[in-house]
Structures are given as C-alpha cells and as structure tokens.
Amino acid sequence: MNFPTTLALGAVAGGTIVFGLPVGRLRSPALTLRVLLSSGAVGVLLFLVWDVLSAAWEPIDAALTGSGDAGAVAGLGVLFVGGISAGLLSVVGYERFTSRRKAACGTTSRSLATLVAIGIGVHNLAEGLAIGQSAASGALGLVAVLVVGFALHNATEGFGIVAPLAADAERPSWRFLLLLGAIGGVPTFIGTAIGWAYSSTVLSVLFLSLAAGSILFVIIQLLGIAARARRTDLVAYGVLAGLFAGFATDAVITFGGV
C-alpha cells in the first residue's frame, strides 16, 4: 500500500469523530439526556483507558516473559508510569491554572470538552501509529480492520467530546465544534504518517500512557457532573451503554483474528 492511500485511510479513521459533534448544538437538553450523555461518555472513556493501558503494557509484558532484558523492562516501565503520571497531573495543573484565571469558578464545560478532545487526540495519535506501521509492513488485512474499527470508535468518541457541553445554556458555535473535532481527529492522520515513516515501540508506549492519564482526569470530571443530578440509575445505564459500545466497536478489530 502506497503512502497517499495510507494517509487517506488514516483521515477516514479519524474523520468520523465529527459525526457525534452536532449533539453539542442541542439547546438546553433535558436532564435525562444530559446525564445519559455524560455517563455514556464515561463508559466510552473507561473502555478507552482499558484499551490504551492494555496496549501500552503489552510490550512490557512481552519483555518480561520473553527475553527478560532488565534494561528494556525498566525503560518501558519508566515510560509507562511517567506517561500516565504526566498525562494525568499535567491536566490537573492545567485545570488549576484555568480555575485561578476564572476566579475559582472551576473547570468550564468548554475547557472540559477541550480536555476530552486532547485526551482522545493523544489516544488517536497512537491509533494512527498502528495504522501507519501496519501499512508500511504490508499487513493490508490488518490495515483494513484497524481503519474500520478505529472509524467506529471515533464516531462514538465524538459524543464523549461534546457531553460536557450539554450543561451549557448557550450553544457552542460550529467553529468551536469543528476545532474540537480537529483536536481529537487530526492526530489519527498525523500518527498514520509517523507510523509509516518510523516504527517505534517506545513512541507507542509513551503516547498510549499519556492518553490514559489524560482520559482518567476527564472521567473523574464527568462523573462529578453526572453525580450532581442525583440520578444514579441514569448514570449506571449510561456507563453501561458507553462501555458496551466501546467493546462492540473494538470487536470489529478482533473479528479478523488480529
């Protein structure tokens, strides 16, 4: 598969994130919808945390059970722990900074939506790396399965990005929604290009760990928003629906025996 075709497939995989963005334009949605959106996003993000941590841990597990190279295990382990810590704590620092600038009003719904987009964007960069590396190695069947699976994943991730905006009385502009989509989706395209040109386990572990840390912070924030509604039943339904949606789309990837 040539480079332009690979880039086009990476663009398709990341571009489907825009499908969920128009939900952010709903004006004053009902409480039930707001809670379901927030908790559903938590479910999707919980799946993503499991997904990215599993992928980030895989090379470490392989080093432990394979060659047993202490240096490789230690190096990848430092990246794993450091990436998660940096991803989570850097976002905490950003939240505190914005809170101080906004007179201690806390994280706004728009800044939280931006954080969701950033976390998903880092995750999608790693997905793009997988697409690019598979194409460069000639694994065309794997490329096709990855593109379809990631495209379905990104379609559900769009809802996760706009979920914090459901509490806003003022509708976000299309420009802002497209900006969020670009933050979350364009890294898939960039990762595809990098993966084609350069294959690296180190980069993969680093980006996946960073994504997991940033997504963990967003989960904490979204759970807080959902909990204020005092509807634990809706929260449970939403989390389950989002979690199952994540596994259902991931099944596309594993369907081909990958």
C-alpha atoms as a PDB file:
ATOM      1  CA  MET A   1       0.000   0.000   0.000  1.00  0.00           C
ATOM      2  CA  ASN A   2       1.447   3.364  -1.000  1.00  0.00           C
ATOM      3  CA  PHE A   3       1.855   6.395   1.255  1.00  0.00           C
ATOM      4  CA  PRO A   4      -1.028   8.587  -0.119  1.00  0.00           C
ATOM      5  CA  THR A   5      -3.521   5.718   0.218  1.00  0.00           C
ATOM      6  CA  THR A   6      -2.348   5.070   3.773  1.00  0.00           C
ATOM      7  CA  LEU A   7      -2.797   8.745   4.656  1.00  0.00           C
ATOM      8  CA  ALA A   8      -6.293   8.722   3.152  1.00  0.00           C
ATOM      9  CA  LEU A   9      -7.255   5.735   5.288  1.00  0.00           C
ATOM     10  CA  GLY A  10      -5.867   7.482   8.372  1.00  0.00           C
ATOM     11  CA  ALA A  11      -8.005  10.508   7.541  1.00  0.00           C
ATOM     12  CA  VAL A  12     -11.097   8.316   7.258  1.00  0.00           C
ATOM     13  CA  ALA A  13     -10.383   6.626  10.594  1.00  0.00           C
ATOM     14  CA  GLY A  14     -10.024   9.971  12.378  1.00  0.00           C
ATOM     15  CA  GLY A  15     -12.646  11.933  10.447  1.00  0.00           C
ATOM     16  CA  THR A  16     -15.650  10.009  11.741  1.00  0.00           C
ATOM     17  CA  ILE A  17     -15.259  11.823  15.062  1.00  0.00           C
ATOM     18  CA  VAL A  18     -17.326  14.682  13.571  1.00  0.00           C
ATOM     19  CA  PHE A  19     -20.471  12.514  13.454  1.00  0.00           C
ATOM     20  CA  GLY A  20     -21.143  12.979  17.170  1.00  0.00           C
ATOM     21  CA  LEU A  21     -20.298  16.686  17.354  1.00  0.00           C
ATOM     22  CA  PRO A  22     -23.700  18.131  16.261  1.00  0.00           C
ATOM     23  CA  VAL A  23     -25.187  16.848  19.532  1.00  0.00           C
ATOM     24  CA  GLY A  24     -23.316  19.688  21.209  1.00  0.00           C
ATOM     25  CA  ARG A  25     -25.625  22.150  19.438  1.00  0.00           C
ATOM     26  CA  LEU A  26     -28.750  20.934  21.225  1.00  0.00           C
ATOM     27  CA  ARG A  27     -30.266  23.838  23.176  1.00  0.00           C
ATOM     28  CA  SER A  28     -30.860  23.146  26.871  1.00  0.00           C
ATOM     29  CA  PRO A  29     -31.329  19.395  26.587  1.00  0.00           C
ATOM     30  CA  ALA A  30     -33.434  17.659  29.238  1.00  0.00           C
ATOM     31  CA  LEU A  31     -31.809  16.500  32.464  1.00  0.00           C
ATOM     32  CA  THR A  32     -32.167  12.863  31.415  1.00  0.00           C
ATOM     33  CA  LEU A  33     -30.299  13.498  28.158  1.00  0.00           C
ATOM     34  CA  ARG A  34     -27.542  15.470  29.901  1.00  0.00           C
ATOM     35  CA  VAL A  35     -26.946  12.721  32.454  1.00  0.00           C
ATOM     36  CA  LEU A  36     -27.029   9.987  29.818  1.00  0.00           C
ATOM     37  CA  LEU A  37     -24.571  11.898  27.610  1.00  0.00           C
ATOM     38  CA  SER A  38     -22.122  12.478  30.461  1.00  0.00           C
ATOM     39  CA  SER A  39     -22.341   8.938  31.841  1.00  0.00           C
ATOM     40  CA  GLY A  40     -22.294   7.410  28.356  1.00  0.00           C
ATOM     41  CA  ALA A  41     -19.105   9.321  27.659  1.00  0.00           C
ATOM     42  CA  VAL A  42     -17.674   7.916  30.900  1.00  0.00           C
ATOM     43  CA  GLY A  43     -18.442   4.399  29.664  1.00  0.00           C
ATOM     44  CA  VAL A  44     -16.689   5.006  26.348  1.00  0.00           C
ATOM     45  CA  LEU A  45     -13.718   6.585  28.107  1.00  0.00           C
ATOM     46  CA  LEU A  46     -13.487   3.725  30.611  1.00  0.00           C
ATOM     47  CA  PHE A  47     -13.181   1.347  27.700  1.00  0.00           C
ATOM     48  CA  LEU A  48     -10.527   3.573  26.115  1.00  0.00           C
ATOM     49  CA  VAL A  49      -8.484   3.599  29.339  1.00  0.00           C
ATOM     50  CA  TRP A  50      -8.580  -0.193  29.443  1.00  0.00           C
ATOM     51  CA  ASP A  51      -7.753  -0.351  25.739  1.00  0.00           C
ATOM     52  CA  VAL A  52      -4.793   2.019  25.796  1.00  0.00           C
ATOM     53  CA  LEU A  53      -3.336   0.660  29.036  1.00  0.00           C
ATOM     54  CA  SER A  54      -3.551  -2.890  27.700  1.00  0.00           C
ATOM     55  CA  ALA A  55      -1.761  -1.842  24.508  1.00  0.00           C
ATOM     56  CA  ALA A  56       0.855   0.156  26.433  1.00  0.00           C
ATOM     57  CA  TRP A  57       1.517  -2.729  28.828  1.00  0.00           C
ATOM     58  CA  GLU A  58       1.810  -5.362  26.082  1.00  0.00           C
ATOM     59  CA  PRO A  59       5.453  -4.580  25.129  1.00  0.00           C
ATOM     60  CA  ILE A  60       6.420  -4.600  28.817  1.00  0.00           C
ATOM     61  CA  ASP A  61       4.690  -7.923  29.343  1.00  0.00           C
ATOM     62  CA  ALA A  62       6.421  -9.307  26.247  1.00  0.00           C
ATOM     63  CA  ALA A  63       9.802  -8.176  27.564  1.00  0.00           C
ATOM     64  CA  LEU A  64       9.112  -9.780  30.944  1.00  0.00           C
ATOM     65  CA  THR A  65       8.046 -13.136  29.512  1.00  0.00           C
ATOM     66  CA  GLY A  66      10.406 -13.141  26.534  1.00  0.00           C
ATOM     67  CA  SER A  67      13.993 -12.025  26.629  1.00  0.00           C
ATOM     68  CA  GLY A  68      13.802 -10.857  30.227  1.00  0.00           C
ATOM     69  CA  ASP A  69      16.006  -7.882  29.339  1.00  0.00           C
ATOM     70  CA  ALA A  70      16.055  -5.867  32.574  1.00  0.00           C
ATOM     71  CA  GLY A  71      17.087  -2.706  30.757  1.00  0.00           C
ATOM     72  CA  ALA A  72      14.198  -2.896  28.287  1.00  0.00           C
ATOM     73  CA  VAL A  73      11.704  -3.666  31.036  1.00  0.00           C
ATOM     74  CA  ALA A  74      12.957  -0.801  33.181  1.00  0.00           C
ATOM     75  CA  GLY A  75      12.988   1.673  30.292  1.00  0.00           C
ATOM     76  CA  LEU A  76       9.496   0.820  29.086  1.00  0.00           C
ATOM     77  CA  GLY A  77       8.256   0.725  32.678  1.00  0.00           C
ATOM     78  CA  VAL A  78       9.522   4.254  33.285  1.00  0.00           C
ATOM     79  CA  LEU A  79       7.755   5.426  30.120  1.00  0.00           C
ATOM     80  CA  PHE A  80       4.563   3.665  31.211  1.00  0.00           C
ATOM     81  CA  VAL A  81       4.491   5.139  34.722  1.00  0.00           C
ATOM     82  CA  GLY A  82       5.843   8.514  33.630  1.00  0.00           C
ATOM     83  CA  GLY A  83       3.408   8.798  30.733  1.00  0.00           C
ATOM     84  CA  ILE A  84       0.338   8.074  32.880  1.00  0.00           C
ATOM     85  CA  SER A  85       1.567  10.440  35.593  1.00  0.00           C
ATOM     86  CA  ALA A  86       2.364  13.220  33.129  1.00  0.00           C
ATOM     87  CA  GLY A  87      -0.931  12.769  31.301  1.00  0.00           C
ATOM     88  CA  LEU A  88      -2.989  12.963  34.499  1.00  0.00           C
ATOM     89  CA  LEU A  89      -1.024  15.518  36.518  1.00  0.00           C
ATOM     90  CA  SER A  90      -0.395  17.907  33.627  1.00  0.00           C
ATOM     91  CA  VAL A  91      -4.143  18.109  33.047  1.00  0.00           C
ATOM     92  CA  VAL A  92      -4.699  18.644  36.781  1.00  0.00           C
ATOM     93  CA  GLY A  93      -2.229  21.520  36.611  1.00  0.00           C
ATOM     94  CA  TYR A  94      -3.996  22.952  33.576  1.00  0.00           C
ATOM     95  CA  GLU A  95      -7.360  22.735  35.368  1.00  0.00           C
ATOM     96  CA  ARG A  96      -5.995  24.583  38.401  1.00  0.00           C
ATOM     97  CA  PHE A  97      -4.471  27.238  36.174  1.00  0.00           C
ATOM     98  CA  THR A  98      -7.742  27.866  34.343  1.00  0.00           C
ATOM     99  CA  SER A  99      -9.650  27.844  37.648  1.00  0.00           C
ATOM    100  CA  ARG A 100      -7.441  30.609  39.030  1.00  0.00           C
ATOM    101  CA  ARG A 101      -7.889  32.643  35.873  1.00  0.00           C
ATOM    102  CA  LYS A 102     -11.658  32.277  36.079  1.00  0.00           C
ATOM    103  CA  ALA A 103     -11.911  33.432  39.704  1.00  0.00           C
ATOM    104  CA  ALA A 104     -12.116  29.926  41.133  1.00  0.00           C
ATOM    105  CA  CYS A 105     -15.249  29.084  39.128  1.00  0.00           C
ATOM    106  CA  GLY A 106     -13.850  25.645  38.381  1.00  0.00           C
ATOM    107  CA  THR A 107     -13.406  23.969  35.035  1.00  0.00           C
ATOM    108  CA  THR A 108     -15.861  25.336  32.491  1.00  0.00           C
ATOM    109  CA  SER A 109     -17.805  22.986  30.273  1.00  0.00           C
ATOM    110  CA  ARG A 110     -15.882  24.223  27.222  1.00  0.00           C
ATOM    111  CA  SER A 111     -12.467  23.736  28.795  1.00  0.00           C
ATOM    112  CA  LEU A 112     -13.557  20.260  29.922  1.00  0.00           C
ATOM    113  CA  ALA A 113     -14.718  19.431  26.397  1.00  0.00           C
ATOM    114  CA  THR A 114     -11.325  20.625  25.159  1.00  0.00           C
ATOM    115  CA  LEU A 115      -9.588  18.340  27.662  1.00  0.00           C
ATOM    116  CA  VAL A 116     -11.673  15.409  26.445  1.00  0.00           C
ATOM    117  CA  ALA A 117     -10.674  16.225  22.860  1.00  0.00           C
ATOM    118  CA  ILE A 118      -6.982  16.454  23.827  1.00  0.00           C
ATOM    119  CA  GLY A 119      -7.060  13.120  25.649  1.00  0.00           C
ATOM    120  CA  ILE A 120      -8.805  11.423  22.745  1.00  0.00           C
ATOM    121  CA  GLY A 121      -6.423  13.118  20.309  1.00  0.00           C
ATOM    122  CA  VAL A 122      -3.373  11.658  22.050  1.00  0.00           C
ATOM    123  CA  HIS A 123      -5.068   8.261  22.011  1.00  0.00           C
ATOM    124  CA  ASN A 124      -5.888   8.633  18.321  1.00  0.00           C
ATOM    125  CA  LEU A 125      -2.277   9.521  17.576  1.00  0.00           C
ATOM    126  CA  ALA A 126      -1.343   6.071  18.858  1.00  0.00           C
ATOM    127  CA  GLU A 127      -4.119   4.546  16.728  1.00  0.00           C
ATOM    128  CA  GLY A 128      -2.689   6.316  13.694  1.00  0.00           C
ATOM    129  CA  LEU A 129       0.739   4.896  14.536  1.00  0.00           C
ATOM    130  CA  ALA A 130      -0.794   1.408  14.416  1.00  0.00           C
ATOM    131  CA  ILE A 131      -2.368   2.067  11.000  1.00  0.00           C
ATOM    132  CA  GLY A 132       0.824   3.520   9.537  1.00  0.00           C
ATOM    133  CA  GLN A 133       3.084   0.796  10.892  1.00  0.00           C
ATOM    134  CA  SER A 134       0.748  -1.958   9.655  1.00  0.00           C
ATOM    135  CA  ALA A 135       0.588  -0.428   6.165  1.00  0.00           C
ATOM    136  CA  ALA A 136       4.355   0.007   5.998  1.00  0.00           C
ATOM    137  CA  SER A 137       4.841  -3.662   6.914  1.00  0.00           C
ATOM    138  CA  GLY A 138       2.437  -4.776   4.163  1.00  0.00           C
ATOM    139  CA  ALA A 139      -0.249  -6.161   6.517  1.00  0.00           C
ATOM    140  CA  LEU A 140      -3.133  -4.958   4.325  1.00  0.00           C
ATOM    141  CA  GLY A 141      -5.784  -7.085   6.011  1.00  0.00           C
ATOM    142  CA  LEU A 142      -4.821  -5.678   9.389  1.00  0.00           C
ATOM    143  CA  VAL A 143      -4.900  -2.141   7.998  1.00  0.00           C
ATOM    144  CA  ALA A 144      -8.474  -2.603   6.748  1.00  0.00           C
ATOM    145  CA  VAL A 145      -9.682  -3.994  10.071  1.00  0.00           C
ATOM    146  CA  LEU A 146      -7.926  -1.267  12.046  1.00  0.00           C
ATOM    147  CA  VAL A 147      -9.370   1.522   9.892  1.00  0.00           C
ATOM    148  CA  VAL A 148     -12.939   0.205  10.203  1.00  0.00           C
ATOM    149  CA  GLY A 149     -12.597  -0.387  13.937  1.00  0.00           C
ATOM    150  CA  PHE A 150     -10.989   2.975  14.660  1.00  0.00           C
ATOM    151  CA  ALA A 151     -13.543   4.777  12.486  1.00  0.00           C
ATOM    152  CA  LEU A 152     -16.374   3.257  14.510  1.00  0.00           C
ATOM    153  CA  HIS A 153     -14.577   4.107  17.735  1.00  0.00           C
ATOM    154  CA  ASN A 154     -14.081   7.711  16.720  1.00  0.00           C
ATOM    155  CA  ALA A 155     -17.746   8.055  15.788  1.00  0.00           C
ATOM    156  CA  THR A 156     -18.656   7.240  19.405  1.00  0.00           C
ATOM    157  CA  GLU A 157     -15.836   9.405  20.780  1.00  0.00           C
ATOM    158  CA  GLY A 158     -17.441  12.467  19.208  1.00  0.00           C
ATOM    159  CA  PHE A 159     -20.309  12.129  21.685  1.00  0.00           C
ATOM    160  CA  GLY A 160     -17.811  11.947  24.528  1.00  0.00           C
ATOM    161  CA  ILE A 161     -16.233  15.234  23.457  1.00  0.00           C
ATOM    162  CA  VAL A 162     -19.487  17.220  23.404  1.00  0.00           C
ATOM    163  CA  ALA A 163     -21.028  15.615  26.508  1.00  0.00           C
ATOM    164  CA  PRO A 164     -19.730  18.365  28.871  1.00  0.00           C
ATOM    165  CA  LEU A 165     -21.390  20.999  26.654  1.00  0.00           C
ATOM    166  CA  ALA A 166     -24.853  19.607  27.401  1.00  0.00           C
ATOM    167  CA  ALA A 167     -24.979  21.688  30.599  1.00  0.00           C
ATOM    168  CA  ASP A 168     -24.394  24.965  28.714  1.00  0.00           C
ATOM    169  CA  ALA A 169     -27.349  27.279  28.131  1.00  0.00           C
ATOM    170  CA  GLU A 170     -25.512  28.825  25.175  1.00  0.00           C
ATOM    171  CA  ARG A 171     -24.982  26.601  22.184  1.00  0.00           C
ATOM    172  CA  PRO A 172     -21.361  26.228  21.025  1.00  0.00           C
ATOM    173  CA  SER A 173     -20.540  27.560  17.584  1.00  0.00           C
ATOM    174  CA  TRP A 174     -19.883  25.267  14.651  1.00  0.00           C
ATOM    175  CA  ARG A 175     -16.361  26.690  14.538  1.00  0.00           C
ATOM    176  CA  PHE A 176     -15.709  25.592  18.128  1.00  0.00           C
ATOM    177  CA  LEU A 177     -17.170  22.134  17.477  1.00  0.00           C
ATOM    178  CA  LEU A 178     -15.011  21.716  14.380  1.00  0.00           C
ATOM    179  CA  LEU A 179     -11.980  22.817  16.402  1.00  0.00           C
ATOM    180  CA  LEU A 180     -12.755  20.106  18.973  1.00  0.00           C
ATOM    181  CA  GLY A 181     -13.134  17.595  16.151  1.00  0.00           C
ATOM    182  CA  ALA A 182      -9.771  18.636  14.719  1.00  0.00           C
ATOM    183  CA  ILE A 183      -8.060  18.298  18.119  1.00  0.00           C
ATOM    184  CA  GLY A 184      -9.483  14.809  18.562  1.00  0.00           C
ATOM    185  CA  GLY A 185      -9.378  13.514  14.988  1.00  0.00           C
ATOM    186  CA  VAL A 186      -6.424  15.048  13.153  1.00  0.00           C
ATOM    187  CA  PRO A 187      -3.840  13.225  15.341  1.00  0.00           C
ATOM    188  CA  THR A 188      -5.009   9.961  13.730  1.00  0.00           C
ATOM    189  CA  PHE A 189      -3.838  11.350  10.381  1.00  0.00           C
ATOM    190  CA  ILE A 190      -0.557  12.609  11.875  1.00  0.00           C
ATOM    191  CA  GLY A 191       0.068   9.296  13.644  1.00  0.00           C
ATOM    192  CA  THR A 192      -0.527   7.432  10.387  1.00  0.00           C
ATOM    193  CA  ALA A 193       2.193   9.473   8.679  1.00  0.00           C
ATOM    194  CA  ILE A 194       4.611   8.964  11.575  1.00  0.00           C
ATOM    195  CA  GLY A 195       3.850   5.249  11.761  1.00  0.00           C
ATOM    196  CA  TRP A 196       4.535   4.830   8.047  1.00  0.00           C
ATOM    197  CA  ALA A 197       7.897   6.575   8.315  1.00  0.00           C
ATOM    198  CA  TYR A 198       9.077   5.378  11.702  1.00  0.00           C
ATOM    199  CA  SER A 199       8.146   2.303  13.739  1.00  0.00           C
ATOM    200  CA  SER A 200       8.898   2.574  17.453  1.00  0.00           C
ATOM    201  CA  THR A 201       7.677   0.657  20.494  1.00  0.00           C
ATOM    202  CA  VAL A 202       8.946   3.487  22.671  1.00  0.00           C
ATOM    203  CA  LEU A 203       6.741   6.079  20.930  1.00  0.00           C
ATOM    204  CA  SER A 204       3.740   3.799  21.105  1.00  0.00           C
ATOM    205  CA  VAL A 205       4.089   3.156  24.857  1.00  0.00           C
ATOM    206  CA  LEU A 206       4.690   6.849  25.559  1.00  0.00           C
ATOM    207  CA  PHE A 207       1.678   8.151  23.623  1.00  0.00           C
ATOM    208  CA  LEU A 208      -0.667   5.451  24.912  1.00  0.00           C
ATOM    209  CA  SER A 209       0.360   6.124  28.518  1.00  0.00           C
ATOM    210  CA  LEU A 210      -0.071   9.877  28.109  1.00  0.00           C
ATOM    211  CA  ALA A 211      -3.533   9.300  26.652  1.00  0.00           C
ATOM    212  CA  ALA A 212      -4.552   7.039  29.550  1.00  0.00           C
ATOM    213  CA  GLY A 213      -3.518   9.635  32.129  1.00  0.00           C
ATOM    214  CA  SER A 214      -5.395  12.481  30.479  1.00  0.00           C
ATOM    215  CA  ILE A 215      -8.511  10.368  29.935  1.00  0.00           C
ATOM    216  CA  LEU A 216      -8.525   9.344  33.623  1.00  0.00           C
ATOM    217  CA  PHE A 217      -8.810  13.001  34.623  1.00  0.00           C
ATOM    218  CA  VAL A 218     -11.711  13.542  32.248  1.00  0.00           C
ATOM    219  CA  ILE A 219     -13.528  10.503  33.676  1.00  0.00           C
ATOM    220  CA  ILE A 220     -13.226  11.999  37.167  1.00  0.00           C
ATOM    221  CA  GLN A 221     -14.663  15.311  35.963  1.00  0.00           C
ATOM    222  CA  LEU A 222     -17.546  13.768  34.008  1.00  0.00           C
ATOM    223  CA  LEU A 223     -18.521  11.522  36.930  1.00  0.00           C
ATOM    224  CA  GLY A 224     -18.717  14.623  39.104  1.00  0.00           C
ATOM    225  CA  ILE A 225     -21.053  16.295  36.610  1.00  0.00           C
ATOM    226  CA  ALA A 226     -23.275  13.216  36.378  1.00  0.00           C
ATOM    227  CA  ALA A 227     -23.354  12.736  40.165  1.00  0.00           C
ATOM    228  CA  ARG A 228     -24.773  16.230  40.758  1.00  0.00           C
ATOM    229  CA  ALA A 229     -28.006  15.165  39.061  1.00  0.00           C
ATOM    230  CA  ARG A 230     -28.610  12.550  41.798  1.00  0.00           C
ATOM    231  CA  ARG A 231     -29.803  10.007  39.229  1.00  0.00           C
ATOM    232  CA  THR A 232     -27.604   7.005  39.844  1.00  0.00           C
ATOM    233  CA  ASP A 233     -29.917   4.868  37.729  1.00  0.00           C
ATOM    234  CA  LEU A 234     -29.319   7.008  34.640  1.00  0.00           C
ATOM    235  CA  VAL A 235     -25.595   7.136  35.391  1.00  0.00           C
ATOM    236  CA  ALA A 236     -25.461   3.344  35.550  1.00  0.00           C
ATOM    237  CA  TYR A 237     -27.420   2.948  32.298  1.00  0.00           C
ATOM    238  CA  GLY A 238     -25.233   5.483  30.519  1.00  0.00           C
ATOM    239  CA  VAL A 239     -21.950   3.992  31.733  1.00  0.00           C
ATOM    240  CA  LEU A 240     -23.064   0.518  30.679  1.00  0.00           C
ATOM    241  CA  ALA A 241     -24.203   1.731  27.257  1.00  0.00           C
ATOM    242  CA  GLY A 242     -20.940   3.585  26.639  1.00  0.00           C
ATOM    243  CA  LEU A 243     -18.813   0.708  27.886  1.00  0.00           C
ATOM    244  CA  PHE A 244     -20.613  -1.851  25.736  1.00  0.00           C
ATOM    245  CA  ALA A 245     -20.434   0.491  22.724  1.00  0.00           C
ATOM    246  CA  GLY A 246     -16.665   0.626  23.163  1.00  0.00           C
ATOM    247  CA  PHE A 247     -16.326  -3.144  23.297  1.00  0.00           C
ATOM    248  CA  ALA A 248     -18.733  -3.592  20.389  1.00  0.00           C
ATOM    249  CA  THR A 249     -16.694  -1.359  18.118  1.00  0.00           C
ATOM    250  CA  ASP A 250     -13.456  -2.962  19.296  1.00  0.00           C
ATOM    251  CA  ALA A 251     -14.898  -6.335  18.274  1.00  0.00           C
ATOM    252  CA  VAL A 252     -14.542  -5.206  14.665  1.00  0.00           C
ATOM    253  CA  ILE A 253     -10.779  -5.081  15.156  1.00  0.00           C
ATOM    254  CA  THR A 254     -10.530  -8.536  16.704  1.00  0.00           C
ATOM    255  CA  PHE A 255     -13.055 -10.068  14.292  1.00  0.00           C
ATOM    256  CA  GLY A 256     -10.337 -10.627  11.709  1.00  0.00           C
ATOM    257  CA  GLY A 257      -8.362 -12.730  14.181  1.00  0.00           C
ATOM    258  CA  VAL A 258      -5.936  -9.907  14.949  1.00  0.00           C
END
